[in-house]
Protein backbone atom coordinates (compact mmCIF):
# COMPACT_ATOMS: atom_id res chain seq x y z
CA UNK A 1 26.84 37.64 -10.90
CA UNK A 2 29.50 34.92 -10.60
CA UNK A 3 31.99 35.21 -7.75
CA UNK A 4 35.16 33.22 -7.58
CA UNK A 5 35.43 31.31 -4.31
CA UNK A 6 39.14 32.02 -3.90
CA UNK A 7 38.64 35.78 -3.75
CA UNK A 8 36.37 35.45 -0.71
CA UNK A 9 38.22 32.78 1.22
CA UNK A 10 40.16 35.28 3.30
CA UNK A 11 37.07 37.05 4.61
CA UNK A 12 34.27 34.53 4.83
CA UNK A 13 34.04 32.12 7.77
CA UNK A 14 34.66 28.48 7.06
CA UNK A 15 31.04 27.51 7.73
CA UNK A 16 29.83 29.90 5.03
CA UNK A 17 32.22 28.33 2.56
CA UNK A 18 30.72 24.97 3.54
CA UNK A 19 27.24 26.27 2.80
CA UNK A 20 28.42 27.40 -0.62
CA UNK A 21 29.90 24.02 -1.35
CA UNK A 22 26.62 22.16 -0.75
CA UNK A 23 24.30 24.85 -2.02
CA UNK A 24 21.97 25.38 0.94
CA UNK A 25 18.85 27.02 -0.48
CA UNK A 26 17.51 30.28 0.78
CA UNK A 27 20.93 31.60 1.73
CA UNK A 28 21.67 33.29 -1.59
CA UNK A 29 24.88 31.26 -1.67
CA UNK A 30 25.40 28.39 -4.05
CA UNK A 31 21.78 28.74 -5.18
CA UNK A 32 20.18 25.96 -7.17
CA UNK A 33 18.92 26.54 -10.67
CA UNK A 34 15.29 25.93 -11.52
CA UNK A 35 16.20 22.66 -13.24
CA UNK A 36 18.40 21.45 -10.38
CA UNK A 37 15.63 22.11 -7.86
CA UNK A 38 13.11 20.34 -10.09
CA UNK A 39 15.33 17.26 -10.43
CA UNK A 40 15.94 17.05 -6.69
CA UNK A 41 12.28 17.71 -5.97
CA UNK A 42 11.20 14.93 -8.31
CA UNK A 43 13.39 12.43 -6.49
CA UNK A 44 12.09 13.66 -3.12
CA UNK A 45 8.48 13.45 -4.32
CA UNK A 46 8.80 9.82 -5.37
CA UNK A 47 10.75 8.96 -2.23
CA UNK A 48 8.13 10.49 0.06
CA UNK A 49 5.00 9.36 -1.79
CA UNK A 50 4.40 6.28 0.42
CA UNK A 51 4.80 8.17 3.71
CA UNK A 52 2.51 11.02 2.66
CA UNK A 53 -0.07 8.55 1.33
CA UNK A 54 0.03 6.51 4.52
CA UNK A 55 -0.55 9.61 6.63
CA UNK A 56 -3.47 10.80 4.55
CA UNK A 57 -4.96 7.31 4.65
CA UNK A 58 -4.54 7.18 8.41
CA UNK A 59 -6.28 10.52 8.85
CA UNK A 60 -9.33 9.35 6.95
CA UNK A 61 -9.57 5.86 8.40
CA UNK A 62 -9.22 6.97 12.04
CA UNK A 63 -11.42 10.07 11.87
CA UNK A 64 -14.33 8.61 13.86
CA UNK A 65 -15.43 8.63 17.50
CA UNK A 66 -16.07 4.87 17.63
CA UNK A 67 -15.32 1.87 15.41
CA UNK A 68 -17.98 1.59 12.73
CA UNK A 69 -16.90 -1.52 10.85
CA UNK A 70 -15.04 0.46 8.23
CA UNK A 71 -13.10 3.00 10.28
CA UNK A 72 -11.85 3.07 13.86
CA UNK A 73 -10.01 5.53 16.13
CA UNK A 74 -6.26 5.18 16.61
CA UNK A 75 -5.34 2.03 18.50
CA UNK A 76 -8.64 0.28 17.78
CA UNK A 77 -9.64 -2.33 15.22
CA UNK A 78 -12.00 -1.66 12.36
CA UNK A 79 -13.62 -5.00 11.63
CA UNK A 80 -15.10 -5.07 8.16
CA UNK A 81 -17.96 -7.55 8.21
CA UNK A 82 -18.40 -7.89 4.44
CA UNK A 83 -16.25 -7.64 1.36
CA UNK A 84 -15.60 -4.07 0.12
CA UNK A 85 -17.98 -2.57 -2.44
CA UNK A 86 -17.55 -0.18 -5.40
CA UNK A 87 -18.30 2.72 -3.05
CA UNK A 88 -15.23 1.94 -0.91
CA UNK A 89 -12.46 4.18 -2.25
CA UNK A 90 -10.14 4.73 0.71
CA UNK A 91 -7.63 2.08 -0.39
CA UNK A 92 -6.83 1.19 -3.98
CA UNK A 93 -7.15 -2.38 -5.29
CA UNK A 94 -9.28 -3.85 -2.49
CA UNK A 95 -9.97 -7.60 -2.47
CA UNK A 96 -13.20 -9.57 -2.23
CA UNK A 97 -11.75 -12.71 -0.69
CA UNK A 98 -10.95 -11.70 2.86
CA UNK A 99 -12.46 -9.64 5.64
CA UNK A 100 -10.17 -6.75 6.50
CA UNK A 101 -9.38 -6.36 10.18
CA UNK A 102 -7.20 -3.29 10.51
CA UNK A 103 -5.83 -0.79 12.98
CA UNK A 104 -3.52 2.22 13.05
CA UNK A 105 -1.00 2.63 15.86
CA UNK A 106 1.09 5.49 17.21
CA UNK A 107 4.11 4.02 19.00
CA UNK A 108 5.63 7.34 20.07
CA UNK A 109 4.36 7.01 23.66
CA UNK A 110 4.48 3.29 24.35
CA UNK A 111 4.27 -0.15 22.72
CA UNK A 112 1.02 -1.89 21.90
CA UNK A 113 0.08 -5.51 22.58
CA UNK A 114 -1.67 -7.46 19.83
CA UNK A 115 -3.66 -10.54 20.86
CA UNK A 116 -4.41 -13.13 18.19
CA UNK A 117 -6.78 -16.05 18.88
CA UNK A 118 -6.48 -19.61 17.69
CA UNK A 119 -7.34 -19.68 13.98
CA UNK A 120 -7.75 -23.45 13.54
CA UNK A 121 -7.90 -24.20 9.82
CA UNK A 122 -8.79 -20.69 8.69
CA UNK A 123 -6.24 -18.84 6.60
CA UNK A 124 -5.35 -15.40 7.97
CA UNK A 125 -2.50 -12.94 8.09
CA UNK A 126 -1.88 -9.73 10.04
CA UNK A 127 0.87 -7.89 8.14
CA UNK A 128 2.31 -4.82 9.83
CA UNK A 129 3.37 -1.89 7.67
CA UNK A 130 5.63 0.91 8.82
CA UNK A 131 5.10 4.48 7.68
CA UNK A 132 7.02 3.84 4.46
CA UNK A 133 4.82 0.81 3.56
CA UNK A 134 7.52 -1.72 4.37
CA UNK A 135 5.97 -4.91 5.76
CA UNK A 136 8.23 -5.41 8.77
CA UNK A 137 6.41 -8.37 10.35
CA UNK A 138 3.69 -10.79 9.24
CA UNK A 139 2.09 -12.88 11.99
CA UNK A 140 -0.34 -15.34 10.47
CA UNK A 141 -0.98 -18.92 9.47
CA UNK A 142 2.10 -19.11 7.22
CA UNK A 143 4.55 -17.63 9.71
CA UNK A 144 3.34 -18.08 13.29
CA UNK A 145 0.79 -20.85 12.89
CA UNK A 146 -2.74 -21.34 14.17
CA UNK A 147 -2.19 -21.13 17.93
CA UNK A 148 -3.16 -18.09 20.00
CA UNK A 149 -0.27 -15.62 20.27
CA UNK A 150 0.62 -12.23 21.76
CA UNK A 151 2.91 -9.68 20.14
CA UNK A 152 4.41 -6.49 21.54
CA UNK A 153 4.87 -3.83 18.86
CA UNK A 154 7.52 -1.29 19.83
CA UNK A 155 8.58 1.93 18.15
CA UNK A 156 12.04 3.05 17.02
CA UNK A 157 12.77 4.99 20.24
CA UNK A 158 11.39 2.61 22.87
CA UNK A 159 14.12 1.50 25.26
CA UNK A 160 12.29 1.30 28.59
CA UNK A 161 11.77 -1.95 30.45
CA UNK A 162 10.70 -5.27 29.02
CA UNK A 163 7.62 -6.69 27.47
CA UNK A 164 5.46 -9.04 29.56
CA UNK A 165 6.35 -12.72 29.65
CA UNK A 166 4.91 -14.64 26.74
CA UNK A 167 4.75 -11.59 24.49
CA UNK A 168 6.86 -11.76 21.32
CA UNK A 169 8.59 -8.49 20.44
CA UNK A 170 8.12 -6.86 17.04
CA UNK A 171 10.11 -3.66 16.52
CA UNK A 172 8.75 -1.14 14.05
CA UNK A 173 11.16 1.20 12.22
CA UNK A 174 8.57 4.00 12.52
CA UNK A 175 6.04 5.21 15.07
CA UNK A 176 3.26 4.95 12.50
CA UNK A 177 2.09 1.38 12.02
CA UNK A 178 -0.78 -0.01 9.99
CA UNK A 179 -1.96 -3.52 10.86
CA UNK A 180 -3.73 -4.62 7.69
CA UNK A 181 -5.20 -7.95 8.70
CA UNK A 182 -6.93 -10.29 6.27
CA UNK A 183 -9.13 -13.23 7.28
CA UNK A 184 -10.22 -15.59 4.55
CA UNK A 185 -13.97 -16.02 4.19
CA UNK A 186 -16.06 -17.89 1.64
CA UNK A 187 -18.84 -15.31 1.79
CA UNK A 188 -21.60 -17.68 2.91
CA UNK A 189 -23.74 -16.61 5.91
CA UNK A 190 -22.28 -19.44 7.96
CA UNK A 191 -18.69 -18.58 7.16
CA UNK A 192 -19.27 -14.87 7.66
CA UNK A 193 -20.47 -15.72 11.17
CA UNK A 194 -17.38 -17.84 11.91
CA UNK A 195 -15.01 -15.21 10.50
CA UNK A 196 -16.75 -12.49 12.52
CA UNK A 197 -16.20 -14.52 15.69
CA UNK A 198 -12.47 -14.66 14.96
CA UNK A 199 -12.39 -10.93 14.22
CA UNK A 200 -14.00 -10.19 17.58
CA UNK A 201 -11.30 -12.14 19.44
CA UNK A 202 -8.47 -10.07 17.95
CA UNK A 203 -7.61 -7.18 20.25
CA UNK A 204 -5.15 -4.36 20.94
CA UNK A 205 -4.17 -2.70 24.22
CA UNK A 206 -1.39 -0.26 25.08
CA UNK A 207 1.40 -1.82 27.13
CA UNK A 208 0.35 0.18 30.22
CA UNK A 209 -3.06 -1.52 30.11
CA UNK A 210 -1.84 -5.07 29.56
CA UNK A 211 -3.45 -7.46 32.02
CA UNK A 212 -5.93 -4.82 33.19
CA UNK A 213 -9.48 -3.89 32.27
CA UNK A 214 -9.20 -1.57 29.31
CA UNK A 215 -11.82 0.64 27.70
CA UNK A 216 -10.54 2.33 24.53
CA UNK A 217 -11.01 6.11 24.60
CA UNK A 218 -13.41 7.86 22.28
CA UNK A 219 -11.75 8.96 19.07
CA UNK A 220 -11.28 12.58 18.05
CA UNK A 221 -13.10 13.71 14.94
CA UNK A 222 -11.44 16.40 12.83
CA UNK A 223 -13.99 18.23 10.69
CA UNK A 224 -11.26 19.47 8.35
CA UNK A 225 -10.40 15.97 7.14
CA UNK A 226 -11.81 15.28 3.68
CA UNK A 227 -13.83 12.08 4.08
CA UNK A 228 -15.23 12.02 0.54
CA UNK A 229 -12.35 12.45 -1.88
CA UNK A 230 -10.30 9.25 -2.46
CA UNK A 231 -6.99 9.44 -0.61
CA UNK A 232 -4.84 9.04 -3.70
CA UNK A 233 -6.64 11.99 -5.27
CA UNK A 234 -6.08 14.06 -2.12
CA UNK A 235 -2.36 13.31 -2.27
CA UNK A 236 -2.13 13.99 -5.98
CA UNK A 237 -3.86 17.35 -5.60
CA UNK A 238 -1.27 18.65 -3.14
CA UNK A 239 0.93 21.50 -4.29
CA UNK A 240 4.64 20.95 -3.89
CA UNK A 241 4.95 23.29 -0.90
CA UNK A 242 2.18 21.48 1.01
CA UNK A 243 3.45 18.05 0.09
CA UNK A 244 7.06 18.67 1.12
CA UNK A 245 6.04 20.45 4.31
CA UNK A 246 4.04 17.40 5.36
CA UNK A 247 6.82 15.02 4.32
CA UNK A 248 9.42 16.85 6.39
CA UNK A 249 7.15 16.86 9.45
CA UNK A 250 6.30 13.16 9.13
CA UNK A 251 9.95 12.13 9.02
CA UNK A 252 10.37 13.14 12.66
CA UNK A 253 8.39 10.17 13.98
CA UNK A 254 8.94 8.04 10.89
CA UNK A 255 12.66 8.42 10.27
CA UNK A 256 14.42 7.36 7.08
CA UNK A 257 16.52 4.23 7.44
CA UNK A 258 20.31 4.41 7.37
CA UNK A 259 20.39 3.26 3.75
CA UNK A 260 18.39 6.37 2.80
CA UNK A 261 21.25 8.70 3.78
CA UNK A 262 22.08 9.68 0.16
CA UNK A 263 18.46 10.64 -0.43
CA UNK A 264 18.27 12.55 2.84
CA UNK A 265 21.32 14.54 1.78
CA UNK A 266 19.73 15.35 -1.57
CA UNK A 267 16.51 16.52 0.06
CA UNK A 268 18.43 18.80 2.38
CA UNK A 269 19.60 20.75 -0.66
CA UNK A 270 16.04 21.93 -1.23
CA UNK A 271 15.30 22.46 2.44
CA UNK A 272 13.55 19.16 3.23
CA UNK A 273 15.02 17.98 6.51
CA UNK A 274 13.47 15.28 8.75
CA UNK A 275 11.50 16.90 11.57
CA UNK A 276 12.25 20.46 10.43
CA UNK A 277 9.74 22.91 9.04
CA UNK A 278 9.79 23.18 5.27
CA UNK A 279 9.01 26.70 4.07
CA UNK A 280 9.10 27.20 0.33
CA UNK A 281 9.40 30.97 0.83
CA UNK A 282 12.93 30.45 2.17
CA UNK A 283 14.03 29.03 -1.15
CA UNK A 284 15.54 31.15 -3.88
CA UNK A 285 12.90 32.14 -6.48
CA UNK A 286 14.38 29.88 -9.15
CA UNK A 287 14.40 26.86 -6.84
CA UNK A 288 10.86 27.56 -5.66
CA UNK A 289 9.69 27.79 -9.25
CA UNK A 290 11.44 24.54 -10.08
CA UNK A 291 9.46 22.68 -7.42
CA UNK A 292 6.08 23.84 -8.68
CA UNK A 293 5.93 21.35 -11.54
CA UNK A 294 7.14 18.40 -9.49
CA UNK A 295 3.81 16.83 -8.38
CA UNK A 296 2.38 16.42 -11.87
CA UNK A 297 5.55 14.96 -13.33
CA UNK A 298 6.09 12.86 -10.21
CA UNK A 299 2.68 11.23 -10.56
CA UNK A 300 3.23 10.60 -14.25
CA UNK A 301 6.57 8.95 -13.58
CA UNK A 302 5.13 6.78 -10.81
CA UNK A 303 2.29 5.48 -12.98
CA UNK A 304 4.55 5.06 -16.03
CA UNK A 305 6.57 2.58 -13.97
CA UNK A 306 3.88 -0.07 -14.55
CA UNK A 307 5.75 -1.79 -17.37
CA UNK A 308 8.98 -1.84 -15.39
CA UNK A 309 7.47 -2.94 -12.08
CA UNK A 310 8.10 -6.59 -12.88
CA UNK A 311 8.53 -9.13 -15.64
CA UNK A 312 6.00 -9.03 -18.46
CA UNK A 313 4.44 -12.44 -19.00
CA UNK A 314 1.54 -13.04 -21.40
CA UNK A 315 0.26 -9.50 -20.94
CA UNK A 316 0.68 -9.59 -17.16
CA UNK A 317 3.16 -7.54 -15.16
CA UNK A 318 4.48 -10.08 -12.72
CA UNK A 319 6.48 -8.74 -9.78
CA UNK A 320 7.78 -10.40 -6.65
CA UNK A 321 9.16 -7.11 -5.32
CA UNK A 322 6.46 -5.97 -2.94
CA UNK A 323 6.35 -5.37 0.80
CA UNK A 324 10.12 -4.86 1.08
CA UNK A 325 11.69 -2.35 -1.31
CA UNK A 326 15.12 -1.30 -0.10
CA UNK A 327 16.23 1.76 -2.08
CA UNK A 328 13.90 1.07 -5.02
CA UNK A 329 11.82 4.16 -4.28
CA UNK A 330 10.00 4.22 -7.61
CA UNK A 331 8.78 0.65 -7.19
CA UNK A 332 7.63 1.48 -3.67
CA UNK A 333 5.76 4.58 -4.86
CA UNK A 334 4.12 2.68 -7.70
CA UNK A 335 2.88 -0.10 -5.43
CA UNK A 336 1.59 2.58 -3.06
CA UNK A 337 -0.36 4.19 -5.88
CA UNK A 338 -2.02 1.06 -7.25
CA UNK A 339 -2.12 -1.31 -4.28
CA UNK A 340 -1.44 0.33 -0.94
CA UNK A 341 -0.84 -2.36 1.66
CA UNK A 342 0.71 -4.94 -0.67
CA UNK A 343 2.25 -7.95 1.04
CA UNK A 344 5.59 -9.67 0.84
CA UNK A 345 5.74 -12.09 -2.12
CA UNK A 346 5.89 -15.09 0.21
CA UNK A 347 2.40 -14.07 1.36
CA UNK A 348 0.87 -12.76 -1.84
CA UNK A 349 1.79 -12.10 -5.45
CA UNK A 350 -0.28 -9.78 -7.64
CA UNK A 351 0.09 -10.29 -11.41
CA UNK A 352 -1.62 -7.27 -12.99
CA UNK A 353 -2.73 -6.75 -16.57
CA UNK A 354 -3.87 -3.75 -18.60
CA UNK A 355 -3.64 -5.44 -22.01
CA UNK A 356 -4.74 -8.66 -23.68
CA UNK A 357 -2.44 -11.30 -25.12
CA UNK A 358 -1.90 -9.20 -28.24
CA UNK A 359 -0.91 -6.11 -26.25
CA UNK A 360 -4.17 -4.20 -26.77
CA UNK A 361 -5.72 -2.34 -23.81
CA UNK A 362 -8.82 -3.99 -22.39
CA UNK A 363 -12.15 -2.49 -23.40
CA UNK A 364 -15.60 -3.50 -22.23
CA UNK A 365 -16.93 -3.33 -25.77
CA UNK A 366 -15.02 -6.57 -26.42
CA UNK A 367 -15.40 -10.10 -25.06
CA UNK A 368 -12.40 -11.91 -23.59
CA UNK A 369 -11.52 -15.39 -22.35
CA UNK A 370 -8.84 -16.60 -19.95
CA UNK A 371 -8.06 -20.31 -20.27
CA UNK A 372 -6.28 -22.48 -17.70
CA UNK A 373 -5.15 -25.90 -19.00
CA UNK A 374 -5.98 -28.85 -16.79
CA UNK A 375 -4.05 -28.65 -13.50
CA UNK A 376 -2.66 -25.19 -14.30
CA UNK A 377 -4.77 -22.95 -12.08
CA UNK A 378 -2.59 -20.79 -9.79
CA UNK A 379 -0.52 -22.98 -7.42
CA UNK A 380 -1.04 -21.69 -3.89
CA UNK A 381 -1.18 -22.87 -0.29
CA UNK A 382 -3.75 -20.22 0.57
CA UNK A 383 -6.17 -19.11 -2.16
CA UNK A 384 -6.23 -17.30 -5.50
CA UNK A 385 -8.59 -14.93 -7.30
CA UNK A 386 -9.02 -12.84 -10.43
CA UNK A 387 -10.36 -9.33 -9.76
CA UNK A 388 -11.88 -6.70 -12.04
CA UNK A 389 -11.00 -3.02 -11.53
CA UNK A 390 -11.72 0.21 -13.32
CA UNK A 391 -8.77 2.35 -14.39
CA UNK A 392 -8.55 3.80 -10.88
CA UNK A 393 -8.10 0.32 -9.34
CA UNK A 394 -11.54 0.28 -7.73
CA UNK A 395 -14.35 -2.28 -8.00
CA UNK A 396 -16.79 -2.06 -10.90
CA UNK A 397 -20.50 -2.10 -10.07
CA UNK A 398 -22.41 -4.86 -11.87
CA UNK A 399 -25.77 -6.67 -11.63
CA UNK A 400 -24.23 -9.74 -9.96
CA UNK A 401 -22.28 -7.71 -7.36
CA UNK A 402 -19.40 -9.93 -8.44
CA UNK A 403 -15.98 -8.31 -8.43
CA UNK A 404 -13.83 -11.38 -8.48
CA UNK A 405 -13.59 -15.02 -9.53
CA UNK A 406 -12.03 -16.97 -6.68
CA UNK A 407 -10.80 -20.45 -5.92
CA UNK A 408 -13.68 -20.68 -3.44
CA UNK A 409 -16.19 -20.56 -6.34
CA UNK A 410 -17.82 -23.61 -7.94
CA UNK A 411 -16.79 -23.28 -11.58
CA UNK A 412 -17.95 -25.22 -14.60
CA UNK A 413 -14.89 -27.02 -15.93
CA UNK A 414 -14.49 -28.08 -19.52
CA UNK A 415 -14.70 -31.78 -20.45
CA UNK A 416 -10.91 -32.03 -20.66
CA UNK A 417 -10.53 -30.64 -17.13
CA UNK A 418 -9.45 -27.18 -18.23
CA UNK A 419 -11.07 -23.99 -16.96
CA UNK A 420 -12.23 -20.99 -19.01
CA UNK A 421 -13.19 -17.59 -17.63
CA UNK A 422 -15.43 -15.21 -19.57
CA UNK A 423 -14.53 -11.54 -19.10
CA UNK A 424 -17.09 -9.23 -20.66
CA UNK A 425 -19.82 -6.71 -19.99
CA UNK A 426 -22.87 -8.89 -20.71
CA UNK A 427 -23.70 -12.42 -19.63
CA UNK A 428 -22.04 -15.15 -21.72
CA UNK A 429 -25.13 -17.35 -21.14
CA UNK A 430 -26.60 -19.16 -18.16
CA UNK A 431 -24.39 -22.20 -18.69
CA UNK A 432 -21.31 -19.98 -18.40
CA UNK A 433 -22.41 -17.43 -15.78
CA UNK A 434 -20.54 -19.24 -12.99
CA UNK A 435 -17.30 -18.48 -14.88
CA UNK A 436 -18.23 -14.89 -15.78
CA UNK A 437 -16.33 -11.86 -14.51
CA UNK A 438 -18.46 -8.78 -15.36
CA UNK A 439 -16.60 -5.91 -17.04
CA UNK A 440 -17.46 -2.21 -17.34
CA UNK A 441 -18.40 -0.56 -20.61
CA UNK A 442 -15.01 1.12 -20.97
CA UNK A 443 -11.41 0.46 -19.99
CA UNK A 444 -10.53 -1.91 -17.17
CA UNK A 445 -7.66 -3.62 -15.36
CA UNK A 446 -7.31 -7.21 -14.16
CA UNK A 447 -5.40 -8.41 -11.12
CA UNK A 448 -4.64 -11.94 -9.99
CA UNK A 449 -4.10 -12.58 -6.28
CA UNK A 450 -2.07 -15.57 -5.24
CA UNK A 451 -2.01 -15.87 -1.44
CA UNK A 452 0.74 -17.99 0.09
CA UNK A 453 2.01 -18.85 -3.40
CA UNK A 454 4.07 -21.95 -4.02
CA UNK A 455 7.70 -21.69 -5.10
CA UNK A 456 6.77 -22.23 -8.75
CA UNK A 457 5.03 -18.83 -8.65
CA UNK A 458 7.83 -16.92 -6.95
CA UNK A 459 10.59 -18.38 -9.12
CA UNK A 460 8.60 -17.81 -12.31
CA UNK A 461 8.06 -21.43 -13.37
CA UNK A 462 4.27 -21.01 -13.31
CA UNK A 463 3.05 -18.28 -15.62
CA UNK A 464 -0.42 -16.70 -15.78
CA UNK A 465 -2.14 -17.41 -19.11
CA UNK A 466 -2.94 -14.57 -21.46
CA UNK A 467 -6.38 -13.03 -21.67
CA UNK A 468 -7.46 -13.14 -25.32
CA UNK A 469 -10.31 -11.83 -27.42
CA UNK A 470 -13.13 -14.36 -27.59
CA UNK A 471 -13.49 -16.01 -31.01
């Protein structure tokens, strides 16, 4: 039944009229239609996808009593001693060029002190992501140099005292922080040993333990955490009520930034308020029904963003909008889905390709070549690589245990100085095996990594060559 507002204005309190004007759900006043709730829910789903994914990733990667090389309790480093393998499915689009050295922090109680050793000539970076996947600081060879340094990482609410002398302050916008360190390694036994030594010198201590003997506490293991299902799949399986309940709770310690105010106001219309309990049963039936279909459509919209995530060049989607997203929530969600932990473009650029030079999806039943003219391999100050993924952005098992072709490899160059890669399921022949990137039998995805790219990459002067069917 429709009621004219004017006829009630003499008897209803002003605050009730205000509720009617903004349509607060669950009050029976100014109720949202099913479609309105769906539209708002879809925006909220995409907006919150990074934060929910980060939390679910954190739960899995810290759910151990002691560091085991792959996982580590909160506030402790997991030091991966080898490149990831096809069985590693916690983080999408892993790389096989660096040794991950990573830690999760909770800054709600106090700051943490990060100690970095001298790196000498070794390339490394220790990007710090907030709960929304924004890379808010990047200590490393490009930014802070090779000398030993100390950094104090503070949370959004820390206002007490000062950091110790000689400690550089880094303020995180959220209490959740992921340090996703990468140390370059050639993969030889000798270089593994040297990289491991550097990993072991990197340390974390809470501010209260700075300058004192510190023994990290044993981690708490939660038996309810799913340690087998890939995180992205866990997130995508969530029903709307579960997803939004978690999102609202997470925003207490990981607050939206001021620029997100319009989105925060929209979410409030369907009962999603930072730090407040979200209960779908308090919504009007139509609004609750409207939210049910949000996750499926939300995931489809996120993945459909691929072709709009950057410029399309020779079959590659080439974006320099990673690490810092502003209000581009769809871009942020897409990068979360396919490459959680992506860096700022000044540190790494990730041209990605699902189709060959003629626009046809890659298929392992075909043979492909990628040709770099003389002097036209990716221009970088760090390193570059070409990585093979399945359609889920995970490594593909193969007889060579080779998941990437990297600038550290010894390739066979053509007589004219050009370089040709062979991308196919079976060996192209012994004389070409050094340039062979094994492919799966079915569909696959290729990703270039350009670490510390030169300006010609960022400004688009250099373009990745197309991958074409072999003749």
